[in-house]
Amino acid sequence: MADPASYRPQTGEIPTNPGVYRFRDPHGRVIYVGKAKNLRSRLNSYFANPAGLLPKTYAMVHTASSVEWTVVGSELESLQLEYTWIKEFKPRFNVMFRDDKSYPYLAVSMAEKYPGSRCCAEIAARAPATSVPTPPGPSGTPWTPCCASSRSAAAAPVS
């Protein structure tokens, strides 16, 4: 097991921006992916008091041999990048969607006077950015709501 002090970055070199970080093992494999509003405070929390960490986090920090980060423009971008990297690298210390499920989506009906909302498992199809959402019809419009409904809906990930 590696000593976290051996790969701890200097506090001043970690940015305070939002971003995504990866811990790697001695073989270079990604073992954990995380996101943060403030990379500096989040990464420092792993190294400040290792004895105070939860057992799983303690094991991860002591298994890792390096940490790297990527700065992004917003919290939403960090969520998207984290999700992408978890799917790509399948890190052993991240919680995985083992049954191939995904994040739920919130569908908001846009064609009604008082829009409604409901939770969905996936988006069946997305409308092109220039199109106006219309209810799906027998002719097969480019817009299909993510939930079984006759109303048009816009969907966004639920965080």
N, C-alpha and C. Protein backbone atom coordinates (compact mmCIF):
# COMPACT_ATOMS: atom_id res chain seq x y z
N MET A 1 0.85 -1.19 0.00
CA MET A 1 0.00 0.00 0.00
C MET A 1 0.88 1.24 0.00
N ALA A 2 0.50 2.19 -0.83
CA ALA A 2 1.27 3.42 -0.96
C ALA A 2 0.92 4.40 0.16
N ASP A 3 1.88 5.20 0.52
CA ASP A 3 1.65 6.27 1.48
C ASP A 3 1.09 7.46 0.72
N PRO A 4 -0.11 7.96 1.08
CA PRO A 4 -0.70 9.08 0.36
C PRO A 4 0.21 10.31 0.30
N ALA A 5 1.07 10.49 1.30
CA ALA A 5 1.98 11.64 1.29
C ALA A 5 2.97 11.56 0.13
N SER A 6 3.22 10.36 -0.39
CA SER A 6 4.20 10.20 -1.48
C SER A 6 3.70 10.75 -2.81
N TYR A 7 2.37 10.86 -2.99
CA TYR A 7 1.87 11.40 -4.26
C TYR A 7 0.95 12.61 -4.06
N ARG A 8 0.86 13.11 -2.85
CA ARG A 8 0.01 14.26 -2.58
C ARG A 8 0.51 15.49 -3.33
N PRO A 9 -0.36 16.12 -4.13
CA PRO A 9 0.07 17.34 -4.82
C PRO A 9 0.20 18.50 -3.85
N GLN A 10 1.03 19.44 -4.19
CA GLN A 10 1.16 20.65 -3.38
C GLN A 10 -0.16 21.41 -3.44
N THR A 11 -0.59 21.96 -2.31
CA THR A 11 -1.88 22.64 -2.24
C THR A 11 -2.00 23.74 -3.29
N GLY A 12 -0.96 24.51 -3.50
CA GLY A 12 -1.02 25.62 -4.45
C GLY A 12 -1.17 25.20 -5.89
N GLU A 13 -0.81 23.97 -6.24
CA GLU A 13 -0.90 23.55 -7.63
C GLU A 13 -2.28 23.00 -8.00
N ILE A 14 -3.12 22.73 -7.02
CA ILE A 14 -4.48 22.25 -7.30
C ILE A 14 -5.38 23.47 -7.48
N PRO A 15 -6.09 23.56 -8.61
CA PRO A 15 -6.96 24.72 -8.84
C PRO A 15 -8.21 24.69 -7.96
N THR A 16 -8.83 25.84 -7.81
CA THR A 16 -10.07 25.94 -7.02
C THR A 16 -11.31 25.85 -7.91
N ASN A 17 -11.12 25.58 -9.18
CA ASN A 17 -12.22 25.48 -10.15
C ASN A 17 -12.96 24.15 -10.00
N PRO A 18 -14.16 24.06 -10.64
CA PRO A 18 -14.81 22.75 -10.68
C PRO A 18 -14.04 21.81 -11.60
N GLY A 19 -14.15 20.53 -11.34
CA GLY A 19 -13.44 19.58 -12.17
C GLY A 19 -13.68 18.14 -11.78
N VAL A 20 -12.96 17.26 -12.46
CA VAL A 20 -13.05 15.82 -12.23
C VAL A 20 -11.64 15.32 -11.95
N TYR A 21 -11.52 14.41 -10.99
CA TYR A 21 -10.20 13.88 -10.62
C TYR A 21 -10.21 12.36 -10.72
N ARG A 22 -9.00 11.81 -10.95
CA ARG A 22 -8.82 10.36 -11.07
C ARG A 22 -7.67 9.93 -10.17
N PHE A 23 -7.91 8.89 -9.40
CA PHE A 23 -6.83 8.25 -8.65
C PHE A 23 -6.40 7.04 -9.48
N ARG A 24 -5.08 6.83 -9.59
CA ARG A 24 -4.54 5.70 -10.34
C ARG A 24 -3.71 4.81 -9.41
N ASP A 25 -3.69 3.52 -9.72
CA ASP A 25 -2.87 2.59 -8.95
C ASP A 25 -1.45 2.55 -9.51
N PRO A 26 -0.53 1.78 -8.91
CA PRO A 26 0.86 1.74 -9.41
C PRO A 26 0.99 1.25 -10.86
N HIS A 27 -0.02 0.54 -11.36
CA HIS A 27 0.01 0.05 -12.74
C HIS A 27 -0.59 1.04 -13.74
N GLY A 28 -1.05 2.19 -13.24
CA GLY A 28 -1.62 3.22 -14.10
C GLY A 28 -3.12 3.07 -14.33
N ARG A 29 -3.74 2.06 -13.73
CA ARG A 29 -5.18 1.87 -13.90
C ARG A 29 -5.94 2.88 -13.04
N VAL A 30 -7.03 3.41 -13.59
CA VAL A 30 -7.88 4.32 -12.84
C VAL A 30 -8.66 3.50 -11.82
N ILE A 31 -8.55 3.86 -10.54
CA ILE A 31 -9.26 3.12 -9.50
C ILE A 31 -10.40 3.92 -8.89
N TYR A 32 -10.43 5.24 -9.13
CA TYR A 32 -11.52 6.06 -8.63
C TYR A 32 -11.63 7.33 -9.45
N VAL A 33 -12.87 7.71 -9.75
CA VAL A 33 -13.18 8.96 -10.45
C VAL A 33 -14.15 9.74 -9.57
N GLY A 34 -13.87 11.03 -9.38
CA GLY A 34 -14.76 11.88 -8.59
C GLY A 34 -14.87 13.26 -9.19
N LYS A 35 -15.87 14.01 -8.75
CA LYS A 35 -16.06 15.38 -9.25
C LYS A 35 -16.06 16.31 -8.06
N ALA A 36 -15.82 17.58 -8.33
CA ALA A 36 -15.79 18.56 -7.24
C ALA A 36 -16.13 19.95 -7.76
N LYS A 37 -16.83 20.73 -6.92
CA LYS A 37 -17.06 22.14 -7.22
C LYS A 37 -15.75 22.89 -7.08
N ASN A 38 -14.97 22.48 -6.08
CA ASN A 38 -13.68 23.09 -5.79
C ASN A 38 -12.67 21.95 -5.66
N LEU A 39 -11.85 21.76 -6.69
CA LEU A 39 -10.91 20.63 -6.70
C LEU A 39 -9.94 20.68 -5.52
N ARG A 40 -9.46 21.86 -5.19
CA ARG A 40 -8.47 21.97 -4.11
C ARG A 40 -9.03 21.46 -2.78
N SER A 41 -10.21 21.95 -2.41
CA SER A 41 -10.75 21.52 -1.11
C SER A 41 -11.13 20.04 -1.13
N ARG A 42 -11.64 19.56 -2.25
CA ARG A 42 -12.03 18.14 -2.32
C ARG A 42 -10.82 17.22 -2.25
N LEU A 43 -9.79 17.50 -3.03
CA LEU A 43 -8.60 16.64 -3.02
C LEU A 43 -7.87 16.72 -1.69
N ASN A 44 -7.81 17.91 -1.10
CA ASN A 44 -7.15 18.03 0.20
C ASN A 44 -7.85 17.20 1.27
N SER A 45 -9.16 16.99 1.13
CA SER A 45 -9.89 16.21 2.13
C SER A 45 -9.42 14.75 2.17
N TYR A 46 -8.88 14.26 1.06
CA TYR A 46 -8.37 12.89 1.03
C TYR A 46 -7.04 12.76 1.77
N PHE A 47 -6.29 13.86 1.85
CA PHE A 47 -4.94 13.80 2.40
C PHE A 47 -4.79 14.43 3.79
N ALA A 48 -5.78 15.23 4.22
CA ALA A 48 -5.66 15.97 5.48
C ALA A 48 -5.53 15.04 6.68
N ASN A 49 -6.43 14.08 6.82
CA ASN A 49 -6.40 13.18 7.97
C ASN A 49 -6.82 11.79 7.50
N PRO A 50 -5.90 11.03 6.90
CA PRO A 50 -6.26 9.71 6.37
C PRO A 50 -6.89 8.79 7.40
N ALA A 51 -6.51 8.91 8.67
CA ALA A 51 -7.07 8.04 9.71
C ALA A 51 -8.55 8.32 9.93
N GLY A 52 -9.02 9.50 9.58
CA GLY A 52 -10.42 9.86 9.77
C GLY A 52 -11.31 9.50 8.60
N LEU A 53 -10.74 8.90 7.55
CA LEU A 53 -11.52 8.54 6.37
C LEU A 53 -12.35 7.28 6.62
N LEU A 54 -13.41 7.13 5.87
CA LEU A 54 -14.18 5.89 5.91
C LEU A 54 -13.28 4.74 5.43
N PRO A 55 -13.52 3.52 5.86
CA PRO A 55 -12.64 2.40 5.49
C PRO A 55 -12.44 2.23 3.98
N LYS A 56 -13.51 2.36 3.20
CA LYS A 56 -13.38 2.21 1.75
C LYS A 56 -12.51 3.33 1.16
N THR A 57 -12.72 4.55 1.63
CA THR A 57 -11.94 5.68 1.14
C THR A 57 -10.49 5.56 1.57
N TYR A 58 -10.27 5.12 2.79
CA TYR A 58 -8.90 4.89 3.30
C TYR A 58 -8.18 3.87 2.42
N ALA A 59 -8.86 2.77 2.09
CA ALA A 59 -8.26 1.74 1.23
C ALA A 59 -7.94 2.30 -0.15
N MET A 60 -8.84 3.11 -0.70
CA MET A 60 -8.61 3.69 -2.03
C MET A 60 -7.41 4.62 -2.02
N VAL A 61 -7.33 5.50 -1.03
CA VAL A 61 -6.23 6.47 -0.95
C VAL A 61 -4.89 5.75 -0.76
N HIS A 62 -4.88 4.63 -0.04
CA HIS A 62 -3.65 3.89 0.18
C HIS A 62 -3.32 2.92 -0.96
N THR A 63 -4.29 2.60 -1.79
CA THR A 63 -4.04 1.77 -2.98
C THR A 63 -3.50 2.61 -4.12
N ALA A 64 -3.93 3.86 -4.18
CA ALA A 64 -3.52 4.76 -5.27
C ALA A 64 -2.05 5.13 -5.16
N SER A 65 -1.48 5.48 -6.31
CA SER A 65 -0.10 5.95 -6.33
C SER A 65 0.01 7.32 -6.99
N SER A 66 -1.10 7.80 -7.57
CA SER A 66 -1.10 9.14 -8.16
C SER A 66 -2.53 9.65 -8.27
N VAL A 67 -2.64 10.96 -8.40
CA VAL A 67 -3.93 11.60 -8.60
C VAL A 67 -3.74 12.66 -9.68
N GLU A 68 -4.72 12.78 -10.55
CA GLU A 68 -4.68 13.80 -11.60
C GLU A 68 -6.07 14.40 -11.71
N TRP A 69 -6.16 15.57 -12.29
CA TRP A 69 -7.45 16.25 -12.38
C TRP A 69 -7.58 16.95 -13.71
N THR A 70 -8.84 17.23 -14.07
CA THR A 70 -9.17 17.97 -15.28
C THR A 70 -10.14 19.07 -14.88
N VAL A 71 -9.81 20.30 -15.19
CA VAL A 71 -10.66 21.45 -14.89
C VAL A 71 -11.72 21.56 -15.98
N VAL A 72 -12.97 21.81 -15.57
CA VAL A 72 -14.07 21.99 -16.51
C VAL A 72 -14.73 23.34 -16.25
N GLY A 73 -15.67 23.71 -17.10
CA GLY A 73 -16.28 25.03 -17.00
C GLY A 73 -17.41 25.16 -16.00
N SER A 74 -18.04 24.05 -15.64
CA SER A 74 -19.20 24.14 -14.73
C SER A 74 -19.39 22.82 -13.99
N GLU A 75 -20.28 22.87 -13.00
CA GLU A 75 -20.61 21.66 -12.25
C GLU A 75 -21.30 20.63 -13.14
N LEU A 76 -22.12 21.10 -14.08
CA LEU A 76 -22.80 20.19 -14.99
C LEU A 76 -21.78 19.45 -15.86
N GLU A 77 -20.78 20.17 -16.35
CA GLU A 77 -19.74 19.52 -17.15
C GLU A 77 -18.99 18.48 -16.32
N SER A 78 -18.75 18.78 -15.04
CA SER A 78 -18.04 17.82 -14.20
C SER A 78 -18.89 16.57 -13.98
N LEU A 79 -20.20 16.73 -13.82
CA LEU A 79 -21.08 15.57 -13.68
C LEU A 79 -21.04 14.71 -14.93
N GLN A 80 -21.10 15.34 -16.10
CA GLN A 80 -21.09 14.61 -17.35
C GLN A 80 -19.76 13.88 -17.56
N LEU A 81 -18.65 14.56 -17.28
CA LEU A 81 -17.34 13.95 -17.47
C LEU A 81 -17.13 12.81 -16.48
N GLU A 82 -17.54 13.01 -15.23
CA GLU A 82 -17.41 11.94 -14.23
C GLU A 82 -18.18 10.71 -14.69
N TYR A 83 -19.40 10.88 -15.13
CA TYR A 83 -20.23 9.77 -15.59
C TYR A 83 -19.56 9.06 -16.77
N THR A 84 -19.05 9.83 -17.72
CA THR A 84 -18.38 9.26 -18.89
C THR A 84 -17.16 8.45 -18.49
N TRP A 85 -16.33 8.99 -17.60
CA TRP A 85 -15.13 8.28 -17.17
C TRP A 85 -15.45 7.03 -16.36
N ILE A 86 -16.49 7.07 -15.55
CA ILE A 86 -16.87 5.88 -14.79
C ILE A 86 -17.28 4.77 -15.74
N LYS A 87 -18.04 5.13 -16.76
CA LYS A 87 -18.43 4.13 -17.77
C LYS A 87 -17.22 3.63 -18.55
N GLU A 88 -16.28 4.52 -18.86
CA GLU A 88 -15.10 4.14 -19.66
C GLU A 88 -14.09 3.31 -18.88
N PHE A 89 -13.72 3.76 -17.69
CA PHE A 89 -12.65 3.11 -16.93
C PHE A 89 -13.12 2.02 -15.97
N LYS A 90 -14.39 2.05 -15.59
CA LYS A 90 -14.95 1.09 -14.62
C LYS A 90 -14.05 0.96 -13.38
N PRO A 91 -13.80 2.08 -12.68
CA PRO A 91 -12.92 2.06 -11.52
C PRO A 91 -13.48 1.18 -10.40
N ARG A 92 -12.61 0.45 -9.76
CA ARG A 92 -13.06 -0.53 -8.76
C ARG A 92 -13.62 0.11 -7.49
N PHE A 93 -13.25 1.35 -7.18
CA PHE A 93 -13.75 1.99 -5.97
C PHE A 93 -14.98 2.85 -6.20
N ASN A 94 -15.45 2.97 -7.45
CA ASN A 94 -16.68 3.71 -7.73
C ASN A 94 -17.86 2.76 -7.66
N VAL A 95 -19.02 3.28 -7.30
CA VAL A 95 -20.24 2.52 -7.34
C VAL A 95 -20.61 2.39 -8.81
N MET A 96 -20.89 1.19 -9.24
CA MET A 96 -21.19 0.96 -10.66
C MET A 96 -22.68 0.64 -10.83
N PHE A 97 -23.21 0.98 -11.99
CA PHE A 97 -24.55 0.58 -12.35
C PHE A 97 -24.41 -0.81 -12.94
N ARG A 98 -24.39 -1.82 -12.11
CA ARG A 98 -24.09 -3.19 -12.54
C ARG A 98 -25.16 -3.76 -13.46
N ASP A 99 -26.40 -3.28 -13.33
CA ASP A 99 -27.45 -3.80 -14.20
C ASP A 99 -27.64 -2.91 -15.43
N ASP A 100 -26.61 -2.15 -15.76
CA ASP A 100 -26.57 -1.30 -16.96
C ASP A 100 -27.64 -0.21 -16.94
N LYS A 101 -28.02 0.21 -15.74
CA LYS A 101 -28.97 1.32 -15.64
C LYS A 101 -28.21 2.62 -15.78
N SER A 102 -28.94 3.69 -15.94
CA SER A 102 -28.35 5.00 -16.12
C SER A 102 -28.99 5.97 -15.14
N TYR A 103 -28.54 7.22 -15.18
CA TYR A 103 -29.16 8.24 -14.36
C TYR A 103 -30.60 8.43 -14.80
N PRO A 104 -31.51 8.72 -13.87
CA PRO A 104 -32.89 8.99 -14.28
C PRO A 104 -32.99 10.38 -14.91
N TYR A 105 -34.02 10.58 -15.70
CA TYR A 105 -34.26 11.87 -16.33
C TYR A 105 -35.59 12.40 -15.83
N LEU A 106 -35.69 13.71 -15.79
CA LEU A 106 -36.93 14.37 -15.45
C LEU A 106 -37.53 14.91 -16.75
N ALA A 107 -38.72 14.43 -17.10
CA ALA A 107 -39.39 14.89 -18.31
C ALA A 107 -40.39 15.97 -17.93
N VAL A 108 -40.34 17.08 -18.64
CA VAL A 108 -41.25 18.20 -18.40
C VAL A 108 -42.08 18.39 -19.66
N SER A 109 -43.41 18.29 -19.52
CA SER A 109 -44.26 18.48 -20.70
C SER A 109 -44.29 19.96 -21.05
N MET A 110 -44.14 20.26 -22.32
CA MET A 110 -44.03 21.64 -22.76
C MET A 110 -45.24 22.10 -23.57
N ALA A 111 -46.12 21.19 -23.95
CA ALA A 111 -47.22 21.53 -24.84
C ALA A 111 -48.51 21.86 -24.09
N GLU A 112 -48.43 21.97 -22.78
CA GLU A 112 -49.63 22.22 -22.00
C GLU A 112 -49.58 23.60 -21.37
N LYS A 113 -50.75 24.11 -20.96
CA LYS A 113 -50.80 25.40 -20.30
C LYS A 113 -50.05 25.33 -18.98
N TYR A 114 -50.23 24.23 -18.23
CA TYR A 114 -49.53 24.01 -16.97
C TYR A 114 -48.66 22.77 -17.13
N PRO A 115 -47.38 22.95 -17.42
CA PRO A 115 -46.51 21.79 -17.67
C PRO A 115 -46.47 20.84 -16.48
N GLY A 116 -46.41 19.57 -16.80
CA GLY A 116 -46.28 18.53 -15.79
C GLY A 116 -44.88 17.93 -15.85
N SER A 117 -44.57 17.09 -14.87
CA SER A 117 -43.26 16.44 -14.90
C SER A 117 -43.40 14.99 -14.46
N ARG A 118 -42.46 14.18 -14.88
CA ARG A 118 -42.41 12.78 -14.46
C ARG A 118 -40.98 12.27 -14.65
N CYS A 119 -40.67 11.21 -13.97
CA CYS A 119 -39.34 10.63 -14.01
C CYS A 119 -39.27 9.59 -15.12
N CYS A 120 -38.15 9.55 -15.84
CA CYS A 120 -37.97 8.62 -16.94
C CYS A 120 -36.64 7.89 -16.81
N ALA A 121 -36.55 6.73 -17.41
CA ALA A 121 -35.31 5.95 -17.39
C ALA A 121 -34.37 6.37 -18.51
N GLU A 122 -34.91 6.81 -19.64
CA GLU A 122 -34.05 7.16 -20.76
C GLU A 122 -34.74 8.14 -21.69
N ILE A 123 -33.97 8.71 -22.60
CA ILE A 123 -34.51 9.58 -23.63
C ILE A 123 -34.53 8.75 -24.90
N ALA A 124 -35.69 8.58 -25.49
CA ALA A 124 -35.80 7.76 -26.69
C ALA A 124 -35.16 8.45 -27.89
N ALA A 125 -35.36 9.72 -28.04
CA ALA A 125 -34.77 10.48 -29.14
C ALA A 125 -34.78 11.94 -28.75
N ARG A 126 -33.85 12.68 -29.25
CA ARG A 126 -33.79 14.10 -28.95
C ARG A 126 -34.12 14.89 -30.20
N ALA A 127 -34.78 15.99 -29.99
CA ALA A 127 -35.11 16.86 -31.12
C ALA A 127 -33.88 17.64 -31.52
N PRO A 128 -33.71 17.92 -32.80
CA PRO A 128 -32.63 18.81 -33.21
C PRO A 128 -32.82 20.17 -32.53
N ALA A 129 -31.74 20.88 -32.31
CA ALA A 129 -31.78 22.14 -31.57
C ALA A 129 -32.72 23.16 -32.19
N THR A 130 -32.93 23.10 -33.49
CA THR A 130 -33.76 24.10 -34.17
C THR A 130 -35.21 23.70 -34.26
N SER A 131 -35.57 22.47 -33.91
CA SER A 131 -36.95 22.05 -34.08
C SER A 131 -37.79 22.42 -32.87
N VAL A 132 -39.07 22.49 -33.08
CA VAL A 132 -40.02 22.77 -32.01
C VAL A 132 -40.62 21.44 -31.59
N PRO A 133 -40.64 21.13 -30.29
CA PRO A 133 -41.22 19.86 -29.87
C PRO A 133 -42.68 19.74 -30.29
N THR A 134 -43.03 18.61 -30.85
CA THR A 134 -44.40 18.33 -31.24
C THR A 134 -44.77 16.95 -30.74
N PRO A 135 -46.05 16.73 -30.51
CA PRO A 135 -46.44 15.40 -30.07
C PRO A 135 -46.09 14.36 -31.13
N PRO A 136 -45.68 13.17 -30.72
CA PRO A 136 -45.36 12.16 -31.72
C PRO A 136 -46.62 11.74 -32.46
N GLY A 137 -46.48 11.51 -33.72
CA GLY A 137 -47.63 11.11 -34.53
C GLY A 137 -47.33 9.87 -35.32
N PRO A 138 -48.32 9.36 -36.03
CA PRO A 138 -48.12 8.15 -36.81
C PRO A 138 -47.11 8.34 -37.94
N SER A 139 -46.88 9.60 -38.35
CA SER A 139 -45.92 9.83 -39.43
C SER A 139 -44.49 9.77 -38.93
N GLY A 140 -44.29 9.72 -37.61
CA GLY A 140 -42.94 9.59 -37.07
C GLY A 140 -42.18 10.90 -37.08
N THR A 141 -42.51 11.80 -36.20
CA THR A 141 -41.81 13.07 -36.11
C THR A 141 -40.44 12.85 -35.49
N PRO A 142 -39.50 13.81 -35.61
CA PRO A 142 -38.16 13.62 -35.05
C PRO A 142 -38.14 13.65 -33.52
N TRP A 143 -39.22 14.03 -32.89
CA TRP A 143 -39.24 14.16 -31.43
C TRP A 143 -40.08 13.03 -30.83
N THR A 144 -39.48 12.29 -29.92
CA THR A 144 -40.20 11.25 -29.21
C THR A 144 -39.97 11.46 -27.73
N PRO A 145 -41.03 11.56 -26.93
CA PRO A 145 -40.83 11.75 -25.50
C PRO A 145 -40.19 10.53 -24.88
N CYS A 146 -39.51 10.73 -23.75
CA CYS A 146 -38.81 9.62 -23.13
C CYS A 146 -39.75 8.71 -22.36
N CYS A 147 -40.92 9.16 -22.01
CA CYS A 147 -41.88 8.34 -21.28
C CYS A 147 -43.07 8.06 -22.17
N ALA A 148 -43.77 7.00 -21.87
CA ALA A 148 -44.96 6.65 -22.64
C ALA A 148 -46.05 7.67 -22.34
N SER A 149 -46.28 8.56 -23.26
CA SER A 149 -47.27 9.61 -23.08
C SER A 149 -47.59 10.21 -24.43
N SER A 150 -48.75 10.83 -24.55
CA SER A 150 -49.10 11.48 -25.81
C SER A 150 -48.66 12.93 -25.81
N ARG A 151 -48.06 13.39 -24.71
CA ARG A 151 -47.60 14.77 -24.64
C ARG A 151 -46.15 14.87 -25.05
N SER A 152 -45.74 16.02 -25.58
CA SER A 152 -44.33 16.21 -25.87
C SER A 152 -43.62 16.55 -24.57
N ALA A 153 -42.36 16.23 -24.50
CA ALA A 153 -41.63 16.43 -23.24
C ALA A 153 -40.18 16.78 -23.54
N ALA A 154 -39.65 17.61 -22.68
CA ALA A 154 -38.22 17.90 -22.72
C ALA A 154 -37.62 17.19 -21.52
N ALA A 155 -36.48 16.56 -21.69
CA ALA A 155 -35.91 15.79 -20.59
C ALA A 155 -34.54 16.33 -20.22
N ALA A 156 -34.25 16.31 -18.93
CA ALA A 156 -32.96 16.74 -18.43
C ALA A 156 -32.53 15.77 -17.34
N PRO A 157 -31.23 15.50 -17.20
CA PRO A 157 -30.79 14.59 -16.16
C PRO A 157 -31.16 15.12 -14.77
N VAL A 158 -31.55 14.23 -13.89
CA VAL A 158 -31.84 14.58 -12.50
C VAL A 158 -30.57 14.38 -11.71
N SER A 159 -30.17 15.38 -10.94
CA SER A 159 -28.94 15.21 -10.16
C SER A 159 -29.23 15.22 -8.69
